[in-house]
């Protein structure tokens, strides 16, 4: 059994993400000094795209799917309510919301262990990316409607749920 202290787990996580980018031929920003890489993806929503930030650690990978809109101060309470309602029952990941500046993202964390560390596979990363993009597409247009005061949060969630 390999001694985990001899491994560079952080480097293995970074390499796994770079391999994911390369295998899919994705244009991306490589890892920086803070161990963050990023790529843009198109989504079928009114805002059209998200940027995913891949934060590598020696035992996990955290992906933030950044929505390119910030909620205005006057709508933040309703947007926060909408996102909490959207999060209820989600099995993988969840929406994050910064009440200070209105920033909205979807977050998925993948843990790889300490003693039995194994870097993420292409399939694991791909699955997480697909789930995140699906959630952005599922809730994105309803979120925009709430952000612009066109619908109440509870009604927006009911509309999303009725499309299942």
C-alpha atoms as a PDB file:
ATOM      1  CA  UNK A   1       0.000   0.000   0.000  1.00  0.00           C
ATOM      2  CA  UNK A   2       1.331   3.400  -0.987  1.00  0.00           C
ATOM      3  CA  UNK A   3       2.007   5.870   1.827  1.00  0.00           C
ATOM      4  CA  UNK A   4      -0.384   8.782   1.268  1.00  0.00           C
ATOM      5  CA  UNK A   5       2.313  11.195   2.489  1.00  0.00           C
ATOM      6  CA  UNK A   6       4.400  10.301  -0.583  1.00  0.00           C
ATOM      7  CA  UNK A   7       1.580  11.255  -2.947  1.00  0.00           C
ATOM      8  CA  UNK A   8       0.852  14.740  -4.164  1.00  0.00           C
ATOM      9  CA  UNK A   9      -2.905  14.457  -3.916  1.00  0.00           C
ATOM     10  CA  UNK A  10      -3.476  18.090  -4.878  1.00  0.00           C
ATOM     11  CA  UNK A  11      -1.488  17.595  -8.067  1.00  0.00           C
ATOM     12  CA  UNK A  12      -3.471  14.435  -8.842  1.00  0.00           C
ATOM     13  CA  UNK A  13      -6.764  16.339  -8.475  1.00  0.00           C
ATOM     14  CA  UNK A  14      -5.454  19.115 -10.720  1.00  0.00           C
ATOM     15  CA  UNK A  15      -4.297  16.597 -13.324  1.00  0.00           C
ATOM     16  CA  UNK A  16      -7.672  14.840 -13.271  1.00  0.00           C
ATOM     17  CA  UNK A  17      -9.437  18.142 -14.032  1.00  0.00           C
ATOM     18  CA  UNK A  18      -6.935  19.028 -16.777  1.00  0.00           C
ATOM     19  CA  UNK A  19      -7.474  15.555 -18.284  1.00  0.00           C
ATOM     20  CA  UNK A  20     -11.231  16.199 -18.195  1.00  0.00           C
ATOM     21  CA  UNK A  21     -10.758  19.501 -20.066  1.00  0.00           C
ATOM     22  CA  UNK A  22      -8.425  17.911 -22.605  1.00  0.00           C
ATOM     23  CA  UNK A  23     -10.590  14.843 -23.215  1.00  0.00           C
ATOM     24  CA  UNK A  24     -13.609  17.052 -23.940  1.00  0.00           C
ATOM     25  CA  UNK A  25     -11.538  19.569 -25.912  1.00  0.00           C
ATOM     26  CA  UNK A  26     -12.749  22.386 -23.671  1.00  0.00           C
ATOM     27  CA  UNK A  27     -11.318  25.853 -23.953  1.00  0.00           C
ATOM     28  CA  UNK A  28     -10.456  26.716 -20.356  1.00  0.00           C
ATOM     29  CA  UNK A  29      -8.312  28.759 -18.034  1.00  0.00           C
ATOM     30  CA  UNK A  30      -5.684  26.485 -16.446  1.00  0.00           C
ATOM     31  CA  UNK A  31      -5.125  26.249 -12.724  1.00  0.00           C
ATOM     32  CA  UNK A  32      -3.745  29.389 -11.155  1.00  0.00           C
ATOM     33  CA  UNK A  33      -1.670  29.859  -7.998  1.00  0.00           C
ATOM     34  CA  UNK A  34      -4.850  29.512  -5.904  1.00  0.00           C
ATOM     35  CA  UNK A  35      -5.557  26.088  -7.502  1.00  0.00           C
ATOM     36  CA  UNK A  36      -8.584  27.344  -9.448  1.00  0.00           C
ATOM     37  CA  UNK A  37      -9.296  26.560 -13.104  1.00  0.00           C
ATOM     38  CA  UNK A  38     -12.372  27.626 -15.068  1.00  0.00           C
ATOM     39  CA  UNK A  39     -14.372  27.009 -18.220  1.00  0.00           C
ATOM     40  CA  UNK A  40     -17.512  28.508 -19.745  1.00  0.00           C
ATOM     41  CA  UNK A  41     -20.528  26.448 -20.742  1.00  0.00           C
ATOM     42  CA  UNK A  42     -23.618  27.354 -22.714  1.00  0.00           C
ATOM     43  CA  UNK A  43     -26.925  26.745 -20.966  1.00  0.00           C
ATOM     44  CA  UNK A  44     -30.470  26.834 -22.272  1.00  0.00           C
ATOM     45  CA  UNK A  45     -31.609  29.806 -20.170  1.00  0.00           C
ATOM     46  CA  UNK A  46     -32.263  33.486 -20.739  1.00  0.00           C
ATOM     47  CA  UNK A  47     -28.732  34.288 -19.511  1.00  0.00           C
ATOM     48  CA  UNK A  48     -27.186  31.759 -21.928  1.00  0.00           C
ATOM     49  CA  UNK A  49     -23.990  30.695 -20.164  1.00  0.00           C
ATOM     50  CA  UNK A  50     -22.294  29.931 -16.866  1.00  0.00           C
ATOM     51  CA  UNK A  51     -18.667  29.904 -15.861  1.00  0.00           C
ATOM     52  CA  UNK A  52     -17.566  26.934 -13.788  1.00  0.00           C
ATOM     53  CA  UNK A  53     -14.718  27.423 -11.334  1.00  0.00           C
ATOM     54  CA  UNK A  54     -12.944  24.202 -10.354  1.00  0.00           C
ATOM     55  CA  UNK A  55     -11.322  24.616  -6.915  1.00  0.00           C
ATOM     56  CA  UNK A  56      -8.769  21.827  -6.328  1.00  0.00           C
ATOM     57  CA  UNK A  57      -7.738  20.684  -2.847  1.00  0.00           C
ATOM     58  CA  UNK A  58      -5.719  17.693  -1.689  1.00  0.00           C
ATOM     59  CA  UNK A  59      -8.867  15.795  -0.659  1.00  0.00           C
ATOM     60  CA  UNK A  60     -11.699  17.360  -2.689  1.00  0.00           C
ATOM     61  CA  UNK A  61     -12.815  19.251  -5.767  1.00  0.00           C
ATOM     62  CA  UNK A  62     -15.401  22.002  -5.451  1.00  0.00           C
ATOM     63  CA  UNK A  63     -17.176  23.328  -8.537  1.00  0.00           C
ATOM     64  CA  UNK A  64     -18.950  26.684  -8.533  1.00  0.00           C
ATOM     65  CA  UNK A  65     -21.287  27.278 -11.477  1.00  0.00           C
ATOM     66  CA  UNK A  66     -21.454  31.079 -11.550  1.00  0.00           C
ATOM     67  CA  UNK A  67     -24.633  32.623 -12.924  1.00  0.00           C
ATOM     68  CA  UNK A  68     -23.753  35.828 -14.818  1.00  0.00           C
ATOM     69  CA  UNK A  69     -26.415  37.915 -13.082  1.00  0.00           C
ATOM     70  CA  UNK A  70     -26.468  39.474  -9.633  1.00  0.00           C
ATOM     71  CA  UNK A  71     -29.731  40.035  -7.796  1.00  0.00           C
ATOM     72  CA  UNK A  72     -30.515  43.670  -7.128  1.00  0.00           C
ATOM     73  CA  UNK A  73     -30.682  44.748  -3.512  1.00  0.00           C
ATOM     74  CA  UNK A  74     -34.449  45.190  -3.597  1.00  0.00           C
ATOM     75  CA  UNK A  75     -35.033  41.630  -4.862  1.00  0.00           C
ATOM     76  CA  UNK A  76     -32.469  39.759  -2.733  1.00  0.00           C
ATOM     77  CA  UNK A  77     -34.934  38.528  -0.118  1.00  0.00           C
ATOM     78  CA  UNK A  78     -37.168  37.020  -2.811  1.00  0.00           C
ATOM     79  CA  UNK A  79     -34.216  35.545  -4.690  1.00  0.00           C
ATOM     80  CA  UNK A  80     -32.937  34.048  -1.442  1.00  0.00           C
ATOM     81  CA  UNK A  81     -36.346  32.522  -0.774  1.00  0.00           C
ATOM     82  CA  UNK A  82     -36.493  31.128  -4.301  1.00  0.00           C
ATOM     83  CA  UNK A  83     -33.047  29.538  -3.992  1.00  0.00           C
ATOM     84  CA  UNK A  84     -33.850  27.994  -0.609  1.00  0.00           C
ATOM     85  CA  UNK A  85     -37.035  26.536  -2.044  1.00  0.00           C
ATOM     86  CA  UNK A  86     -35.073  25.225  -5.041  1.00  0.00           C
ATOM     87  CA  UNK A  87     -32.465  23.629  -2.746  1.00  0.00           C
ATOM     88  CA  UNK A  88     -35.053  21.688  -0.749  1.00  0.00           C
ATOM     89  CA  UNK A  89     -34.748  18.052  -1.727  1.00  0.00           C
ATOM     90  CA  UNK A  90     -31.747  18.399  -4.043  1.00  0.00           C
ATOM     91  CA  UNK A  91     -29.541  15.330  -3.695  1.00  0.00           C
ATOM     92  CA  UNK A  92     -26.351  16.594  -5.328  1.00  0.00           C
ATOM     93  CA  UNK A  93     -25.149  20.160  -4.877  1.00  0.00           C
ATOM     94  CA  UNK A  94     -27.126  23.261  -4.101  1.00  0.00           C
ATOM     95  CA  UNK A  95     -27.522  26.937  -4.875  1.00  0.00           C
ATOM     96  CA  UNK A  96     -25.415  29.515  -3.037  1.00  0.00           C
ATOM     97  CA  UNK A  97     -26.407  33.141  -2.653  1.00  0.00           C
ATOM     98  CA  UNK A  98     -24.426  36.100  -1.365  1.00  0.00           C
ATOM     99  CA  UNK A  99     -26.879  38.520   0.232  1.00  0.00           C
ATOM    100  CA  UNK A 100     -24.154  41.208   0.273  1.00  0.00           C
ATOM    101  CA  UNK A 101     -23.734  41.571  -3.486  1.00  0.00           C
ATOM    102  CA  UNK A 102     -26.431  39.341  -5.019  1.00  0.00           C
ATOM    103  CA  UNK A 103     -24.002  36.781  -6.475  1.00  0.00           C
ATOM    104  CA  UNK A 104     -25.636  33.434  -7.345  1.00  0.00           C
ATOM    105  CA  UNK A 105     -23.978  30.089  -8.005  1.00  0.00           C
ATOM    106  CA  UNK A 106     -24.592  26.373  -7.913  1.00  0.00           C
ATOM    107  CA  UNK A 107     -22.031  24.358  -5.925  1.00  0.00           C
ATOM    108  CA  UNK A 108     -21.031  20.718  -6.079  1.00  0.00           C
ATOM    109  CA  UNK A 109     -18.309  19.285  -3.832  1.00  0.00           C
ATOM    110  CA  UNK A 110     -16.585  15.964  -4.431  1.00  0.00           C
ATOM    111  CA  UNK A 111     -14.603  14.377  -1.588  1.00  0.00           C
ATOM    112  CA  UNK A 112     -11.799  11.905  -2.365  1.00  0.00           C
ATOM    113  CA  UNK A 113     -10.706  10.775   1.076  1.00  0.00           C
ATOM    114  CA  UNK A 114      -7.551  11.064   3.115  1.00  0.00           C
ATOM    115  CA  UNK A 115      -6.384   7.554   3.969  1.00  0.00           C
ATOM    116  CA  UNK A 116      -7.877   5.897   0.891  1.00  0.00           C
ATOM    117  CA  UNK A 117      -7.424   8.834  -1.508  1.00  0.00           C
ATOM    118  CA  UNK A 118      -8.289   8.235  -5.147  1.00  0.00           C
ATOM    119  CA  UNK A 119      -8.300  11.148  -7.616  1.00  0.00           C
ATOM    120  CA  UNK A 120     -11.541  11.875  -9.462  1.00  0.00           C
ATOM    121  CA  UNK A 121     -12.228  10.038 -12.676  1.00  0.00           C
ATOM    122  CA  UNK A 122     -13.385  11.606 -15.916  1.00  0.00           C
ATOM    123  CA  UNK A 123     -16.839  10.099 -15.345  1.00  0.00           C
ATOM    124  CA  UNK A 124     -17.120  11.545 -11.835  1.00  0.00           C
ATOM    125  CA  UNK A 125     -16.187  15.052 -12.966  1.00  0.00           C
ATOM    126  CA  UNK A 126     -18.402  14.804 -16.046  1.00  0.00           C
ATOM    127  CA  UNK A 127     -21.363  13.624 -13.935  1.00  0.00           C
ATOM    128  CA  UNK A 128     -20.958  16.559 -11.537  1.00  0.00           C
ATOM    129  CA  UNK A 129     -20.718  19.045 -14.425  1.00  0.00           C
ATOM    130  CA  UNK A 130     -23.821  17.602 -16.090  1.00  0.00           C
ATOM    131  CA  UNK A 131     -25.821  17.704 -12.837  1.00  0.00           C
ATOM    132  CA  UNK A 132     -24.808  21.328 -12.191  1.00  0.00           C
ATOM    133  CA  UNK A 133     -25.691  22.407 -15.722  1.00  0.00           C
ATOM    134  CA  UNK A 134     -29.018  20.577 -15.525  1.00  0.00           C
ATOM    135  CA  UNK A 135     -29.923  22.373 -12.290  1.00  0.00           C
ATOM    136  CA  UNK A 136     -28.971  25.748 -13.775  1.00  0.00           C
ATOM    137  CA  UNK A 137     -31.166  25.008 -16.787  1.00  0.00           C
ATOM    138  CA  UNK A 138     -34.004  23.670 -14.657  1.00  0.00           C
ATOM    139  CA  UNK A 139     -34.211  26.725 -12.374  1.00  0.00           C
ATOM    140  CA  UNK A 140     -32.528  29.457 -14.447  1.00  0.00           C
ATOM    141  CA  UNK A 141     -35.465  31.073 -16.214  1.00  0.00           C
ATOM    142  CA  UNK A 142     -37.645  30.963 -13.091  1.00  0.00           C
ATOM    143  CA  UNK A 143     -34.788  32.618 -11.187  1.00  0.00           C
ATOM    144  CA  UNK A 144     -34.655  35.432 -13.761  1.00  0.00           C
ATOM    145  CA  UNK A 145     -38.404  35.983 -13.401  1.00  0.00           C
ATOM    146  CA  UNK A 146     -38.042  36.269  -9.618  1.00  0.00           C
ATOM    147  CA  UNK A 147     -35.018  38.573  -9.986  1.00  0.00           C
ATOM    148  CA  UNK A 148     -37.033  40.969 -12.122  1.00  0.00           C
ATOM    149  CA  UNK A 149     -40.127  40.859  -9.915  1.00  0.00           C
ATOM    150  CA  UNK A 150     -42.279  39.083 -12.498  1.00  0.00           C
ATOM    151  CA  UNK A 151     -43.290  36.189 -10.249  1.00  0.00           C
ATOM    152  CA  UNK A 152     -43.257  35.304  -6.560  1.00  0.00           C
ATOM    153  CA  UNK A 153     -40.710  32.686  -5.410  1.00  0.00           C
ATOM    154  CA  UNK A 154     -43.305  30.098  -4.362  1.00  0.00           C
ATOM    155  CA  UNK A 155     -45.116  30.400  -7.711  1.00  0.00           C
ATOM    156  CA  UNK A 156     -41.835  30.158  -9.628  1.00  0.00           C
ATOM    157  CA  UNK A 157     -40.919  26.908  -7.870  1.00  0.00           C
ATOM    158  CA  UNK A 158     -44.439  25.526  -8.430  1.00  0.00           C
ATOM    159  CA  UNK A 159     -44.053  26.255 -12.154  1.00  0.00           C
ATOM    160  CA  UNK A 160     -40.666  24.494 -12.273  1.00  0.00           C
ATOM    161  CA  UNK A 161     -42.034  21.499 -10.365  1.00  0.00           C
ATOM    162  CA  UNK A 162     -45.061  21.242 -12.686  1.00  0.00           C
ATOM    163  CA  UNK A 163     -42.703  20.725 -15.638  1.00  0.00           C
ATOM    164  CA  UNK A 164     -41.213  17.530 -14.123  1.00  0.00           C
END
